Amino acid sequence: MSFGDPNNPYGPPPQQQGYGYPQGQQQGYGYPQPPPVQQPYGVGAPMADMPGNVSAARVMLWVIVGLQLIGAAAFVFYAVVVNHAKNDSTLQDDSAFQRVADYGTGLLVGLAVFALAWGVFAAVLAAKFNTGGNGIRITTLVFGIITAVLGLYPFIVVGLVHTVLSILIACFVGGAGGKAWFNRPRY
């Protein structure tokens, strides 16, 4: 038996020159499929739905709004309690109360107004996510960074939730999905 005989059923298959595809690749009939076209963000058809991370950033802004309202109410309540307790003669000798009373009701009411204004600012940003452009994106980024810093410095224990939420907001809005959403064409 010779392997050189083309009619030998036990020999290797005959080699075809230039026909077929390499092993492992299956091709159908007709022309091969072209690779998908990669379009940069912001080009092409308008985005129909808000990306998940941008939607999560908007929800986190609404959570911050709720926390700011709770904080403003707590500051007002604390100011009222301190104001009424200043007249109590039994607390005049308490050094811990005197340190708290040194803040004054004006400062506590000012902090309540600031907390309320910061919450309104967060609500405006969250409401503008559907229609806002790149300016809303940049403003939200700055809001997230400033909130993270304020959550760390003056209000370490209470501000920890604000810090985590604001860092996530800045990351989600500053990412590629946020850039694509806020730079999308609007017709």
N, C-alpha and C. Protein backbone atom coordinates (compact mmCIF):
# COMPACT_ATOMS: atom_id res chain seq x y z
N MET A 1 0.84 -1.17 0.00
CA MET A 1 0.00 0.00 0.00
C MET A 1 0.88 1.22 0.00
N SER A 2 0.52 2.08 -0.79
CA SER A 2 1.28 3.31 -0.93
C SER A 2 0.35 4.48 -0.61
N PHE A 3 0.90 5.43 0.14
CA PHE A 3 0.10 6.61 0.45
C PHE A 3 0.06 7.57 -0.73
N GLY A 4 0.80 7.30 -1.74
CA GLY A 4 0.81 8.17 -2.89
C GLY A 4 -0.37 7.93 -3.82
N ASP A 5 -1.08 6.82 -3.63
CA ASP A 5 -2.20 6.50 -4.50
C ASP A 5 -3.41 7.35 -4.11
N PRO A 6 -3.98 8.18 -4.98
CA PRO A 6 -5.11 9.03 -4.63
C PRO A 6 -6.38 8.23 -4.37
N ASN A 7 -6.48 7.02 -4.81
CA ASN A 7 -7.68 6.22 -4.59
C ASN A 7 -7.57 5.31 -3.38
N ASN A 8 -6.52 5.39 -2.60
CA ASN A 8 -6.31 4.57 -1.43
C ASN A 8 -7.21 5.07 -0.29
N PRO A 9 -8.16 4.23 0.21
CA PRO A 9 -9.05 4.68 1.27
C PRO A 9 -8.36 4.77 2.63
N TYR A 10 -7.19 4.20 2.84
CA TYR A 10 -6.50 4.23 4.12
C TYR A 10 -5.43 5.31 4.20
N GLY A 11 -5.23 6.03 3.19
CA GLY A 11 -4.19 7.05 3.16
C GLY A 11 -4.72 8.40 3.65
N PRO A 12 -3.82 9.35 3.74
CA PRO A 12 -4.24 10.68 4.18
C PRO A 12 -5.13 11.34 3.12
N PRO A 13 -5.99 12.24 3.52
CA PRO A 13 -6.84 12.89 2.53
C PRO A 13 -6.00 13.75 1.60
N PRO A 14 -6.45 13.87 0.41
CA PRO A 14 -5.68 14.68 -0.55
C PRO A 14 -5.69 16.15 -0.12
N GLN A 15 -4.58 16.83 -0.34
CA GLN A 15 -4.45 18.24 -0.01
C GLN A 15 -5.05 19.07 -1.13
N GLN A 16 -5.85 20.05 -0.73
CA GLN A 16 -6.42 20.95 -1.73
C GLN A 16 -5.66 22.25 -1.65
N GLN A 17 -5.25 22.76 -2.75
CA GLN A 17 -4.46 23.97 -2.79
C GLN A 17 -5.36 25.20 -2.90
N GLY A 18 -5.34 26.07 -1.84
CA GLY A 18 -6.02 27.35 -1.92
C GLY A 18 -7.53 27.32 -1.71
N TYR A 19 -8.09 26.19 -1.36
CA TYR A 19 -9.54 26.12 -1.15
C TYR A 19 -9.84 25.93 0.32
N GLY A 20 -11.00 26.42 0.74
CA GLY A 20 -11.46 26.18 2.10
C GLY A 20 -10.87 27.15 3.09
N TYR A 21 -11.16 26.90 4.36
CA TYR A 21 -10.71 27.77 5.45
C TYR A 21 -9.88 26.96 6.40
N PRO A 22 -9.04 27.61 7.19
CA PRO A 22 -8.25 26.85 8.18
C PRO A 22 -9.17 26.17 9.19
N GLN A 23 -8.61 25.13 9.83
CA GLN A 23 -9.39 24.36 10.78
C GLN A 23 -9.87 25.26 11.92
N GLY A 24 -11.09 25.02 12.40
CA GLY A 24 -11.63 25.74 13.53
C GLY A 24 -12.49 26.93 13.13
N GLN A 25 -12.44 27.36 11.92
CA GLN A 25 -13.26 28.49 11.49
C GLN A 25 -14.37 28.00 10.59
N GLN A 26 -15.56 28.28 10.96
CA GLN A 26 -16.72 27.90 10.17
C GLN A 26 -17.25 29.14 9.47
N GLN A 27 -17.36 29.10 8.20
CA GLN A 27 -17.89 30.21 7.44
C GLN A 27 -19.12 29.75 6.68
N GLY A 28 -20.10 30.62 6.64
CA GLY A 28 -21.29 30.31 5.87
C GLY A 28 -21.07 30.69 4.41
N TYR A 29 -22.10 30.54 3.65
CA TYR A 29 -22.01 30.91 2.25
C TYR A 29 -22.16 32.41 2.09
N GLY A 30 -21.67 32.95 1.04
CA GLY A 30 -21.83 34.37 0.75
C GLY A 30 -20.64 35.17 1.26
N TYR A 31 -20.86 36.44 1.40
CA TYR A 31 -19.79 37.33 1.82
C TYR A 31 -19.61 37.25 3.34
N PRO A 32 -18.39 37.42 3.81
CA PRO A 32 -18.17 37.39 5.26
C PRO A 32 -18.76 38.64 5.92
N GLN A 33 -19.12 38.48 7.20
CA GLN A 33 -19.71 39.59 7.93
C GLN A 33 -18.63 40.63 8.26
N PRO A 34 -18.93 41.91 8.07
CA PRO A 34 -17.95 42.93 8.45
C PRO A 34 -17.94 43.11 9.96
N PRO A 35 -16.87 43.64 10.50
CA PRO A 35 -16.85 43.89 11.95
C PRO A 35 -17.84 45.00 12.30
N PRO A 36 -18.35 45.00 13.54
CA PRO A 36 -19.31 46.04 13.91
C PRO A 36 -18.64 47.41 13.93
N VAL A 37 -19.41 48.41 13.58
CA VAL A 37 -18.90 49.77 13.55
C VAL A 37 -18.96 50.34 14.96
N GLN A 38 -17.86 50.84 15.44
CA GLN A 38 -17.80 51.44 16.77
C GLN A 38 -18.00 52.95 16.64
N GLN A 39 -19.08 53.45 17.24
CA GLN A 39 -19.31 54.88 17.21
C GLN A 39 -18.94 55.46 18.56
N PRO A 40 -18.32 56.62 18.55
CA PRO A 40 -18.01 57.25 19.85
C PRO A 40 -19.28 57.69 20.54
N TYR A 41 -19.17 57.87 21.87
CA TYR A 41 -20.34 58.30 22.64
C TYR A 41 -20.81 59.66 22.16
N GLY A 42 -22.10 59.85 22.12
CA GLY A 42 -22.66 61.12 21.73
C GLY A 42 -22.90 61.26 20.25
N VAL A 43 -22.55 60.24 19.46
CA VAL A 43 -22.73 60.30 18.02
C VAL A 43 -23.73 59.22 17.63
N GLY A 44 -24.61 59.53 16.73
CA GLY A 44 -25.55 58.53 16.24
C GLY A 44 -26.95 58.80 16.75
N ALA A 45 -27.70 57.74 16.87
CA ALA A 45 -29.10 57.84 17.30
C ALA A 45 -29.17 58.27 18.76
N PRO A 46 -30.21 59.02 19.14
CA PRO A 46 -30.32 59.46 20.52
C PRO A 46 -30.55 58.27 21.45
N MET A 47 -30.04 58.39 22.66
CA MET A 47 -30.21 57.33 23.65
C MET A 47 -31.66 57.34 24.12
N ALA A 48 -32.26 56.17 24.18
CA ALA A 48 -33.66 56.08 24.58
C ALA A 48 -33.81 56.06 26.10
N ASP A 49 -32.96 55.31 26.77
CA ASP A 49 -33.08 55.15 28.21
C ASP A 49 -31.82 55.65 28.90
N MET A 50 -32.01 56.16 30.09
CA MET A 50 -30.89 56.63 30.90
C MET A 50 -30.06 55.42 31.33
N PRO A 51 -28.73 55.49 31.20
CA PRO A 51 -27.90 54.36 31.66
C PRO A 51 -28.11 54.10 33.14
N GLY A 52 -27.88 52.87 33.54
CA GLY A 52 -28.14 52.46 34.92
C GLY A 52 -27.34 53.23 35.95
N ASN A 53 -26.06 53.50 35.66
CA ASN A 53 -25.25 54.21 36.65
C ASN A 53 -25.69 55.67 36.79
N VAL A 54 -26.16 56.29 35.71
CA VAL A 54 -26.65 57.66 35.79
C VAL A 54 -27.98 57.70 36.55
N SER A 55 -28.82 56.70 36.30
CA SER A 55 -30.07 56.61 37.05
C SER A 55 -29.81 56.39 38.53
N ALA A 56 -28.81 55.59 38.85
CA ALA A 56 -28.44 55.36 40.25
C ALA A 56 -27.93 56.65 40.89
N ALA A 57 -27.17 57.45 40.13
CA ALA A 57 -26.68 58.73 40.66
C ALA A 57 -27.86 59.67 40.96
N ARG A 58 -28.88 59.65 40.11
CA ARG A 58 -30.06 60.49 40.35
C ARG A 58 -30.80 60.03 41.61
N VAL A 59 -30.92 58.72 41.80
CA VAL A 59 -31.57 58.20 43.01
C VAL A 59 -30.77 58.59 44.25
N MET A 60 -29.45 58.53 44.15
CA MET A 60 -28.60 58.92 45.29
C MET A 60 -28.74 60.41 45.60
N LEU A 61 -28.95 61.23 44.57
CA LEU A 61 -29.20 62.65 44.82
C LEU A 61 -30.50 62.83 45.60
N TRP A 62 -31.52 62.07 45.24
CA TRP A 62 -32.79 62.16 45.98
C TRP A 62 -32.63 61.67 47.41
N VAL A 63 -31.77 60.68 47.64
CA VAL A 63 -31.50 60.22 49.00
C VAL A 63 -30.82 61.33 49.80
N ILE A 64 -29.89 62.04 49.15
CA ILE A 64 -29.23 63.17 49.81
C ILE A 64 -30.24 64.25 50.15
N VAL A 65 -31.21 64.48 49.25
CA VAL A 65 -32.26 65.46 49.54
C VAL A 65 -33.01 65.08 50.82
N GLY A 66 -33.38 63.83 50.93
CA GLY A 66 -34.08 63.37 52.14
C GLY A 66 -33.22 63.51 53.38
N LEU A 67 -31.94 63.17 53.27
CA LEU A 67 -31.05 63.30 54.43
C LEU A 67 -30.86 64.77 54.81
N GLN A 68 -30.81 65.66 53.83
CA GLN A 68 -30.67 67.08 54.12
C GLN A 68 -31.91 67.61 54.83
N LEU A 69 -33.08 67.16 54.42
CA LEU A 69 -34.31 67.59 55.10
C LEU A 69 -34.33 67.11 56.55
N ILE A 70 -33.91 65.87 56.78
CA ILE A 70 -33.83 65.35 58.14
C ILE A 70 -32.81 66.14 58.95
N GLY A 71 -31.66 66.45 58.34
CA GLY A 71 -30.63 67.23 59.03
C GLY A 71 -31.09 68.63 59.37
N ALA A 72 -31.81 69.28 58.44
CA ALA A 72 -32.31 70.63 58.70
C ALA A 72 -33.32 70.61 59.85
N ALA A 73 -34.19 69.61 59.84
CA ALA A 73 -35.17 69.50 60.93
C ALA A 73 -34.46 69.24 62.26
N ALA A 74 -33.41 68.44 62.25
CA ALA A 74 -32.67 68.16 63.48
C ALA A 74 -31.98 69.43 64.00
N PHE A 75 -31.42 70.23 63.10
CA PHE A 75 -30.78 71.47 63.53
C PHE A 75 -31.79 72.44 64.13
N VAL A 76 -32.97 72.55 63.51
CA VAL A 76 -34.00 73.44 64.04
C VAL A 76 -34.47 72.93 65.41
N PHE A 77 -34.71 71.65 65.53
CA PHE A 77 -35.12 71.07 66.81
C PHE A 77 -34.05 71.31 67.87
N TYR A 78 -32.81 71.11 67.52
CA TYR A 78 -31.70 71.30 68.44
C TYR A 78 -31.61 72.76 68.87
N ALA A 79 -31.83 73.68 67.94
CA ALA A 79 -31.80 75.11 68.27
C ALA A 79 -32.91 75.47 69.24
N VAL A 80 -34.09 74.91 69.02
CA VAL A 80 -35.21 75.19 69.93
C VAL A 80 -34.93 74.62 71.31
N VAL A 81 -34.41 73.42 71.39
CA VAL A 81 -34.11 72.79 72.68
C VAL A 81 -33.04 73.59 73.42
N VAL A 82 -31.99 74.00 72.72
CA VAL A 82 -30.93 74.77 73.36
C VAL A 82 -31.45 76.11 73.84
N ASN A 83 -32.31 76.75 73.05
CA ASN A 83 -32.85 78.04 73.43
C ASN A 83 -33.70 77.94 74.69
N HIS A 84 -34.52 76.91 74.78
CA HIS A 84 -35.35 76.72 75.98
C HIS A 84 -34.52 76.29 77.19
N ALA A 85 -33.46 75.53 76.97
CA ALA A 85 -32.66 75.01 78.07
C ALA A 85 -31.75 76.08 78.66
N LYS A 86 -31.48 77.14 77.89
CA LYS A 86 -30.63 78.21 78.42
C LYS A 86 -31.26 78.88 79.65
N ASN A 87 -32.57 78.88 79.71
CA ASN A 87 -33.27 79.51 80.83
C ASN A 87 -33.43 78.59 82.03
N ASP A 88 -33.07 77.32 81.88
CA ASP A 88 -33.21 76.36 82.98
C ASP A 88 -32.06 76.54 83.96
N SER A 89 -32.38 76.77 85.23
CA SER A 89 -31.35 77.03 86.24
C SER A 89 -30.56 75.78 86.62
N THR A 90 -31.14 74.61 86.43
CA THR A 90 -30.43 73.37 86.80
C THR A 90 -29.30 73.06 85.82
N LEU A 91 -29.38 73.55 84.59
CA LEU A 91 -28.35 73.27 83.59
C LEU A 91 -27.26 74.34 83.56
N GLN A 92 -27.38 75.37 84.36
CA GLN A 92 -26.37 76.44 84.35
C GLN A 92 -25.02 75.95 84.86
N ASP A 93 -25.00 74.94 85.71
CA ASP A 93 -23.75 74.41 86.25
C ASP A 93 -23.19 73.25 85.46
N ASP A 94 -23.92 72.75 84.47
CA ASP A 94 -23.48 71.60 83.67
C ASP A 94 -22.52 72.08 82.58
N SER A 95 -21.26 71.62 82.65
CA SER A 95 -20.25 72.09 81.70
C SER A 95 -20.49 71.55 80.29
N ALA A 96 -21.01 70.33 80.17
CA ALA A 96 -21.27 69.77 78.84
C ALA A 96 -22.37 70.56 78.14
N PHE A 97 -23.40 70.94 78.88
CA PHE A 97 -24.46 71.74 78.27
C PHE A 97 -23.95 73.13 77.90
N GLN A 98 -23.08 73.69 78.70
CA GLN A 98 -22.57 75.03 78.41
C GLN A 98 -21.74 75.05 77.13
N ARG A 99 -21.02 73.97 76.85
CA ARG A 99 -20.29 73.88 75.58
C ARG A 99 -21.25 73.85 74.41
N VAL A 100 -22.37 73.16 74.57
CA VAL A 100 -23.38 73.11 73.51
C VAL A 100 -24.09 74.45 73.40
N ALA A 101 -24.36 75.07 74.51
CA ALA A 101 -25.07 76.35 74.50
C ALA A 101 -24.21 77.47 73.93
N ASP A 102 -22.89 77.29 73.95
CA ASP A 102 -22.01 78.31 73.37
C ASP A 102 -22.18 78.43 71.86
N TYR A 103 -22.67 77.40 71.21
CA TYR A 103 -22.90 77.49 69.76
C TYR A 103 -23.92 78.58 69.45
N GLY A 104 -24.91 78.70 70.25
CA GLY A 104 -25.94 79.69 70.02
C GLY A 104 -26.99 79.20 69.05
N THR A 105 -28.18 79.74 69.21
CA THR A 105 -29.27 79.31 68.34
C THR A 105 -29.11 79.87 66.94
N GLY A 106 -28.46 81.02 66.82
CA GLY A 106 -28.26 81.61 65.48
C GLY A 106 -27.42 80.72 64.59
N LEU A 107 -26.36 80.16 65.14
CA LEU A 107 -25.50 79.25 64.36
C LEU A 107 -26.26 77.99 63.98
N LEU A 108 -27.04 77.46 64.90
CA LEU A 108 -27.79 76.24 64.61
C LEU A 108 -28.87 76.49 63.55
N VAL A 109 -29.54 77.63 63.62
CA VAL A 109 -30.52 77.98 62.59
C VAL A 109 -29.81 78.21 61.25
N GLY A 110 -28.63 78.82 61.28
CA GLY A 110 -27.85 79.00 60.05
C GLY A 110 -27.46 77.68 59.41
N LEU A 111 -27.05 76.72 60.24
CA LEU A 111 -26.75 75.38 59.73
C LEU A 111 -27.99 74.71 59.14
N ALA A 112 -29.15 74.95 59.77
CA ALA A 112 -30.40 74.38 59.25
C ALA A 112 -30.73 74.98 57.88
N VAL A 113 -30.53 76.29 57.74
CA VAL A 113 -30.79 76.95 56.45
C VAL A 113 -29.82 76.43 55.39
N PHE A 114 -28.55 76.27 55.77
CA PHE A 114 -27.56 75.74 54.82
C PHE A 114 -27.91 74.31 54.40
N ALA A 115 -28.32 73.49 55.36
CA ALA A 115 -28.70 72.11 55.03
C ALA A 115 -29.91 72.08 54.11
N LEU A 116 -30.86 72.96 54.36
CA LEU A 116 -32.04 73.03 53.51
C LEU A 116 -31.68 73.53 52.10
N ALA A 117 -30.82 74.53 52.01
CA ALA A 117 -30.41 75.04 50.70
C ALA A 117 -29.62 73.99 49.92
N TRP A 118 -28.77 73.24 50.63
CA TRP A 118 -27.99 72.20 49.96
C TRP A 118 -28.91 71.08 49.45
N GLY A 119 -29.97 70.79 50.21
CA GLY A 119 -30.95 69.80 49.78
C GLY A 119 -31.74 70.27 48.57
N VAL A 120 -32.10 71.56 48.54
CA VAL A 120 -32.81 72.11 47.37
C VAL A 120 -31.91 72.06 46.14
N PHE A 121 -30.64 72.37 46.32
CA PHE A 121 -29.68 72.30 45.21
C PHE A 121 -29.58 70.87 44.67
N ALA A 122 -29.54 69.89 45.55
CA ALA A 122 -29.49 68.48 45.13
C ALA A 122 -30.78 68.10 44.41
N ALA A 123 -31.93 68.61 44.87
CA ALA A 123 -33.21 68.30 44.22
C ALA A 123 -33.26 68.90 42.81
N VAL A 124 -32.74 70.10 42.65
CA VAL A 124 -32.73 70.72 41.31
C VAL A 124 -31.84 69.92 40.37
N LEU A 125 -30.68 69.50 40.85
CA LEU A 125 -29.80 68.69 40.01
C LEU A 125 -30.45 67.37 39.63
N ALA A 126 -31.09 66.72 40.59
CA ALA A 126 -31.74 65.43 40.30
C ALA A 126 -32.89 65.60 39.32
N ALA A 127 -33.61 66.70 39.41
CA ALA A 127 -34.74 66.93 38.51
C ALA A 127 -34.28 67.24 37.09
N LYS A 128 -33.08 67.76 36.93
CA LYS A 128 -32.57 68.15 35.61
C LYS A 128 -31.85 67.02 34.88
N PHE A 129 -31.80 65.83 35.44
CA PHE A 129 -31.07 64.74 34.79
C PHE A 129 -31.67 64.35 33.45
N ASN A 130 -32.98 64.44 33.28
CA ASN A 130 -33.60 64.04 32.01
C ASN A 130 -33.34 65.03 30.91
N THR A 131 -33.35 66.32 31.21
CA THR A 131 -33.27 67.34 30.17
C THR A 131 -31.95 68.08 30.15
N GLY A 132 -31.14 67.94 31.16
CA GLY A 132 -29.91 68.73 31.28
C GLY A 132 -28.82 68.27 30.34
N GLY A 133 -27.94 69.19 30.05
CA GLY A 133 -26.79 68.91 29.19
C GLY A 133 -25.52 68.72 30.00
N ASN A 134 -24.41 69.04 29.36
CA ASN A 134 -23.11 68.81 29.98
C ASN A 134 -22.90 69.73 31.19
N GLY A 135 -23.55 70.89 31.21
CA GLY A 135 -23.43 71.78 32.37
C GLY A 135 -23.99 71.16 33.63
N ILE A 136 -25.10 70.44 33.51
CA ILE A 136 -25.68 69.74 34.67
C ILE A 136 -24.72 68.64 35.13
N ARG A 137 -24.09 67.98 34.18
CA ARG A 137 -23.13 66.92 34.52
C ARG A 137 -21.96 67.50 35.31
N ILE A 138 -21.40 68.59 34.85
CA ILE A 138 -20.26 69.19 35.53
C ILE A 138 -20.68 69.74 36.89
N THR A 139 -21.85 70.36 36.96
CA THR A 139 -22.34 70.88 38.24
C THR A 139 -22.56 69.74 39.23
N THR A 140 -23.08 68.62 38.75
CA THR A 140 -23.28 67.47 39.63
C THR A 140 -21.95 66.90 40.10
N LEU A 141 -20.96 66.89 39.22
CA LEU A 141 -19.63 66.44 39.62
C LEU A 141 -19.06 67.33 40.73
N VAL A 142 -19.16 68.64 40.56
CA VAL A 142 -18.66 69.58 41.57
C VAL A 142 -19.46 69.42 42.86
N PHE A 143 -20.78 69.27 42.75
CA PHE A 143 -21.63 69.05 43.91
C PHE A 143 -21.18 67.81 44.67
N GLY A 144 -20.91 66.71 43.95
CA GLY A 144 -20.49 65.48 44.60
C GLY A 144 -19.16 65.63 45.31
N ILE A 145 -18.22 66.34 44.70
CA ILE A 145 -16.90 66.51 45.31
C ILE A 145 -16.99 67.39 46.56
N ILE A 146 -17.74 68.50 46.46
CA ILE A 146 -17.88 69.38 47.62
C ILE A 146 -18.63 68.67 48.75
N THR A 147 -19.65 67.90 48.42
CA THR A 147 -20.39 67.16 49.44
C THR A 147 -19.50 66.13 50.12
N ALA A 148 -18.63 65.49 49.35
CA ALA A 148 -17.71 64.51 49.95
C ALA A 148 -16.75 65.19 50.93
N VAL A 149 -16.26 66.37 50.55
CA VAL A 149 -15.34 67.08 51.45
C VAL A 149 -16.08 67.56 52.69
N LEU A 150 -17.30 68.12 52.52
CA LEU A 150 -18.07 68.57 53.68
C LEU A 150 -18.49 67.40 54.57
N GLY A 151 -18.71 66.23 53.97
CA GLY A 151 -19.07 65.06 54.76
C GLY A 151 -17.90 64.56 55.58
N LEU A 152 -16.68 64.82 55.12
CA LEU A 152 -15.51 64.37 55.88
C LEU A 152 -15.13 65.34 56.99
N TYR A 153 -15.09 66.63 56.68
CA TYR A 153 -14.52 67.53 57.67
C TYR A 153 -15.44 67.88 58.83
N PRO A 154 -16.51 68.64 58.62
CA PRO A 154 -17.21 69.04 59.85
C PRO A 154 -18.09 67.96 60.45
N PHE A 155 -18.62 67.07 59.63
CA PHE A 155 -19.61 66.10 60.13
C PHE A 155 -19.11 64.69 59.86
N ILE A 156 -18.09 64.25 60.55
CA ILE A 156 -17.44 62.99 60.22
C ILE A 156 -18.39 61.80 60.40
N VAL A 157 -19.03 61.68 61.53
CA VAL A 157 -19.88 60.51 61.80
C VAL A 157 -21.16 60.58 60.97
N VAL A 158 -21.84 61.72 61.02
CA VAL A 158 -23.10 61.86 60.29
C VAL A 158 -22.84 61.96 58.79
N GLY A 159 -21.73 62.58 58.42
CA GLY A 159 -21.45 62.81 57.01
C GLY A 159 -20.88 61.63 56.27
N LEU A 160 -20.68 60.51 56.92
CA LEU A 160 -20.12 59.34 56.25
C LEU A 160 -21.03 58.85 55.13
N VAL A 161 -22.32 58.85 55.37
CA VAL A 161 -23.28 58.43 54.34
C VAL A 161 -23.24 59.42 53.17
N HIS A 162 -23.19 60.70 53.49
CA HIS A 162 -23.09 61.73 52.45
C HIS A 162 -21.81 61.55 51.64
N THR A 163 -20.72 61.24 52.31
CA THR A 163 -19.44 61.08 51.63
C THR A 163 -19.48 59.92 50.66
N VAL A 164 -19.99 58.79 51.10
CA VAL A 164 -20.05 57.61 50.22
C VAL A 164 -20.98 57.88 49.03
N LEU A 165 -22.15 58.44 49.31
CA LEU A 165 -23.10 58.72 48.22
C LEU A 165 -22.53 59.73 47.23
N SER A 166 -21.89 60.76 47.73
CA SER A 166 -21.39 61.79 46.83
C SER A 166 -20.20 61.30 46.00
N ILE A 167 -19.38 60.44 46.55
CA ILE A 167 -18.29 59.87 45.75
C ILE A 167 -18.86 58.99 44.65
N LEU A 168 -19.87 58.20 44.97
CA LEU A 168 -20.51 57.38 43.94
C LEU A 168 -21.19 58.24 42.88
N ILE A 169 -21.83 59.33 43.28
CA ILE A 169 -22.47 60.23 42.32
C ILE A 169 -21.42 60.80 41.38
N ALA A 170 -20.31 61.27 41.93
CA ALA A 170 -19.26 61.85 41.09
C ALA A 170 -18.67 60.81 40.13
N CYS A 171 -18.51 59.58 40.59
CA CYS A 171 -17.97 58.53 39.71
C CYS A 171 -18.96 58.15 38.62
N PHE A 172 -20.23 58.01 38.98
CA PHE A 172 -21.23 57.60 37.99
C PHE A 172 -21.48 58.68 36.94
N VAL A 173 -21.54 59.92 37.38
CA VAL A 173 -21.81 61.01 36.43
C VAL A 173 -20.57 61.33 35.61
N GLY A 174 -19.40 61.17 36.21
CA GLY A 174 -18.16 61.48 35.51
C GLY A 174 -17.69 60.40 34.57
N GLY A 175 -18.28 59.23 34.62
CA GLY A 175 -17.86 58.12 33.76
C GLY A 175 -18.36 58.25 32.33
N ALA A 176 -18.06 57.23 31.55
CA ALA A 176 -18.41 57.24 30.13
C ALA A 176 -19.92 57.24 29.92
N GLY A 177 -20.65 56.50 30.75
CA GLY A 177 -22.11 56.48 30.61
C GLY A 177 -22.73 57.84 30.90
N GLY A 178 -22.21 58.52 31.93
CA GLY A 178 -22.69 59.86 32.25
C GLY A 178 -22.36 60.85 31.15
N LYS A 179 -21.17 60.74 30.60
CA LYS A 179 -20.78 61.64 29.51
C LYS A 179 -21.66 61.40 28.29
N ALA A 180 -21.95 60.14 27.99
CA ALA A 180 -22.80 59.83 26.85
C ALA A 180 -24.22 60.33 27.07
N TRP A 181 -24.73 60.21 28.29
CA TRP A 181 -26.12 60.63 28.56
C TRP A 181 -26.26 62.14 28.47
N PHE A 182 -25.36 62.86 29.07
CA PHE A 182 -25.50 64.32 29.11
C PHE A 182 -25.06 64.99 27.81
N ASN A 183 -24.29 64.30 26.97
CA ASN A 183 -23.89 64.86 25.68
C ASN A 183 -24.70 64.30 24.52
N ARG A 184 -25.77 63.58 24.83
CA ARG A 184 -26.57 62.97 23.77
C ARG A 184 -27.26 64.05 22.94
N PRO A 185 -27.52 63.76 21.66
CA PRO A 185 -28.27 64.75 20.86
C PRO A 185 -29.73 64.75 21.27
N ARG A 186 -30.30 65.92 21.29
CA ARG A 186 -31.72 66.08 21.64
C ARG A 186 -32.43 66.67 20.43
N TYR A 187 -33.42 65.95 19.94
CA TYR A 187 -34.13 66.42 18.75
C TYR A 187 -35.49 66.93 19.10
